[in-house]
């Protein structure tokens, strides 16, 4: 699956481009971790500041990923791979 969405968590002078996959990891860690490092908190706060524009991209990525995962799991099950 193509991953065209990147997010700059740095500055214009010092960009820190991360993929939507890493955005999902940061959100997951923020939601499940009992304590976050200061760096993780900063990244999560920066992500939240992007608002709906980032939400739309992340939701599309996660939806596409899940659809592909379901399709692959059906192929594995129906064709008897990995018996």
C-alpha atoms as a PDB file:
ATOM      1  CA  UNK A   1       0.000   0.000   0.000  1.00  0.00           C
ATOM      2  CA  UNK A   2       1.394   3.389  -0.915  1.00  0.00           C
ATOM      3  CA  UNK A   3       2.083   5.712   1.947  1.00  0.00           C
ATOM      4  CA  UNK A   4       2.015   9.210   0.475  1.00  0.00           C
ATOM      5  CA  UNK A   5       1.033  11.122   3.589  1.00  0.00           C
ATOM      6  CA  UNK A   6       3.874  12.542   5.632  1.00  0.00           C
ATOM      7  CA  UNK A   7       3.653  14.951   8.522  1.00  0.00           C
ATOM      8  CA  UNK A   8       6.273  17.486   9.552  1.00  0.00           C
ATOM      9  CA  UNK A   9       6.721  17.377  13.313  1.00  0.00           C
ATOM     10  CA  UNK A  10       9.759  19.645  13.112  1.00  0.00           C
ATOM     11  CA  UNK A  11      10.086  23.176  11.820  1.00  0.00           C
ATOM     12  CA  UNK A  12      10.607  24.684   8.385  1.00  0.00           C
ATOM     13  CA  UNK A  13      14.293  25.091   9.202  1.00  0.00           C
ATOM     14  CA  UNK A  14      14.661  21.595  10.640  1.00  0.00           C
ATOM     15  CA  UNK A  15      11.918  19.332   9.255  1.00  0.00           C
ATOM     16  CA  UNK A  16      11.133  15.974  10.824  1.00  0.00           C
ATOM     17  CA  UNK A  17       8.939  14.219   8.278  1.00  0.00           C
ATOM     18  CA  UNK A  18       7.191  11.097   9.541  1.00  0.00           C
ATOM     19  CA  UNK A  19       4.987   8.645   7.699  1.00  0.00           C
ATOM     20  CA  UNK A  20       1.332   8.045   8.447  1.00  0.00           C
ATOM     21  CA  UNK A  21       2.386   4.641   9.788  1.00  0.00           C
ATOM     22  CA  UNK A  22       4.505   6.398  12.417  1.00  0.00           C
ATOM     23  CA  UNK A  23       1.646   8.822  13.100  1.00  0.00           C
ATOM     24  CA  UNK A  24      -0.524   5.791  13.912  1.00  0.00           C
ATOM     25  CA  UNK A  25       2.191   4.413  16.202  1.00  0.00           C
ATOM     26  CA  UNK A  26       2.444   7.706  18.094  1.00  0.00           C
ATOM     27  CA  UNK A  27      -1.341   7.859  18.517  1.00  0.00           C
ATOM     28  CA  UNK A  28      -1.430   4.228  19.679  1.00  0.00           C
ATOM     29  CA  UNK A  29       1.408   4.775  22.176  1.00  0.00           C
ATOM     30  CA  UNK A  30      -0.232   7.943  23.480  1.00  0.00           C
ATOM     31  CA  UNK A  31      -3.510   6.110  23.951  1.00  0.00           C
ATOM     32  CA  UNK A  32      -2.131   2.942  25.540  1.00  0.00           C
ATOM     33  CA  UNK A  33       1.057   3.967  27.372  1.00  0.00           C
ATOM     34  CA  UNK A  34       0.831   4.729  31.058  1.00  0.00           C
ATOM     35  CA  UNK A  35       3.617   7.287  30.786  1.00  0.00           C
ATOM     36  CA  UNK A  36       4.947   9.006  27.707  1.00  0.00           C
ATOM     37  CA  UNK A  37       8.360  10.534  27.300  1.00  0.00           C
ATOM     38  CA  UNK A  38       8.529  14.290  26.866  1.00  0.00           C
ATOM     39  CA  UNK A  39       9.427  13.769  23.196  1.00  0.00           C
ATOM     40  CA  UNK A  40       6.385  11.512  22.659  1.00  0.00           C
ATOM     41  CA  UNK A  41       4.110  14.039  24.376  1.00  0.00           C
ATOM     42  CA  UNK A  42       5.465  16.830  22.166  1.00  0.00           C
ATOM     43  CA  UNK A  43       4.883  14.757  19.024  1.00  0.00           C
ATOM     44  CA  UNK A  44       1.369  13.818  20.094  1.00  0.00           C
ATOM     45  CA  UNK A  45       0.493  17.439  20.904  1.00  0.00           C
ATOM     46  CA  UNK A  46       1.852  18.562  17.532  1.00  0.00           C
ATOM     47  CA  UNK A  47      -0.221  15.895  15.770  1.00  0.00           C
ATOM     48  CA  UNK A  48      -3.378  16.999  17.583  1.00  0.00           C
ATOM     49  CA  UNK A  49      -2.749  20.586  16.475  1.00  0.00           C
ATOM     50  CA  UNK A  50      -3.179  19.578  12.814  1.00  0.00           C
ATOM     51  CA  UNK A  51      -6.861  18.903  13.438  1.00  0.00           C
ATOM     52  CA  UNK A  52      -9.335  17.531  10.862  1.00  0.00           C
ATOM     53  CA  UNK A  53      -6.955  17.642   7.888  1.00  0.00           C
ATOM     54  CA  UNK A  54      -4.678  15.064   9.506  1.00  0.00           C
ATOM     55  CA  UNK A  55      -7.625  13.079  10.842  1.00  0.00           C
ATOM     56  CA  UNK A  56      -8.973  12.517   7.332  1.00  0.00           C
ATOM     57  CA  UNK A  57      -5.633  11.212   6.059  1.00  0.00           C
ATOM     58  CA  UNK A  58      -5.051   8.928   9.016  1.00  0.00           C
ATOM     59  CA  UNK A  59      -8.587   7.513   8.929  1.00  0.00           C
ATOM     60  CA  UNK A  60      -8.245   6.781   5.190  1.00  0.00           C
ATOM     61  CA  UNK A  61      -4.874   5.097   5.733  1.00  0.00           C
ATOM     62  CA  UNK A  62      -6.167   2.932   8.591  1.00  0.00           C
ATOM     63  CA  UNK A  63      -9.330   2.023   6.661  1.00  0.00           C
ATOM     64  CA  UNK A  64      -7.338   1.035   3.556  1.00  0.00           C
ATOM     65  CA  UNK A  65      -4.887  -0.957   5.672  1.00  0.00           C
ATOM     66  CA  UNK A  66      -7.696  -2.841   7.414  1.00  0.00           C
ATOM     67  CA  UNK A  67      -9.431  -3.641   4.113  1.00  0.00           C
ATOM     68  CA  UNK A  68      -6.189  -5.026   2.699  1.00  0.00           C
ATOM     69  CA  UNK A  69      -5.506  -7.029   5.855  1.00  0.00           C
ATOM     70  CA  UNK A  70      -8.980  -8.580   5.693  1.00  0.00           C
ATOM     71  CA  UNK A  71      -8.529  -9.433   2.000  1.00  0.00           C
ATOM     72  CA  UNK A  72      -5.145 -11.067   2.640  1.00  0.00           C
ATOM     73  CA  UNK A  73      -6.497 -13.043   5.589  1.00  0.00           C
ATOM     74  CA  UNK A  74      -9.355 -14.348   3.421  1.00  0.00           C
ATOM     75  CA  UNK A  75      -6.894 -15.427   0.708  1.00  0.00           C
ATOM     76  CA  UNK A  76      -4.771 -17.237   3.291  1.00  0.00           C
ATOM     77  CA  UNK A  77      -7.816 -18.949   4.777  1.00  0.00           C
ATOM     78  CA  UNK A  78      -9.521 -19.872   1.506  1.00  0.00           C
ATOM     79  CA  UNK A  79      -6.423 -21.120  -0.284  1.00  0.00           C
ATOM     80  CA  UNK A  80      -5.069 -23.031   2.677  1.00  0.00           C
ATOM     81  CA  UNK A  81      -1.743 -21.246   2.848  1.00  0.00           C
ATOM     82  CA  UNK A  82       0.427 -21.886   5.901  1.00  0.00           C
ATOM     83  CA  UNK A  83      -1.172 -25.211   6.864  1.00  0.00           C
END
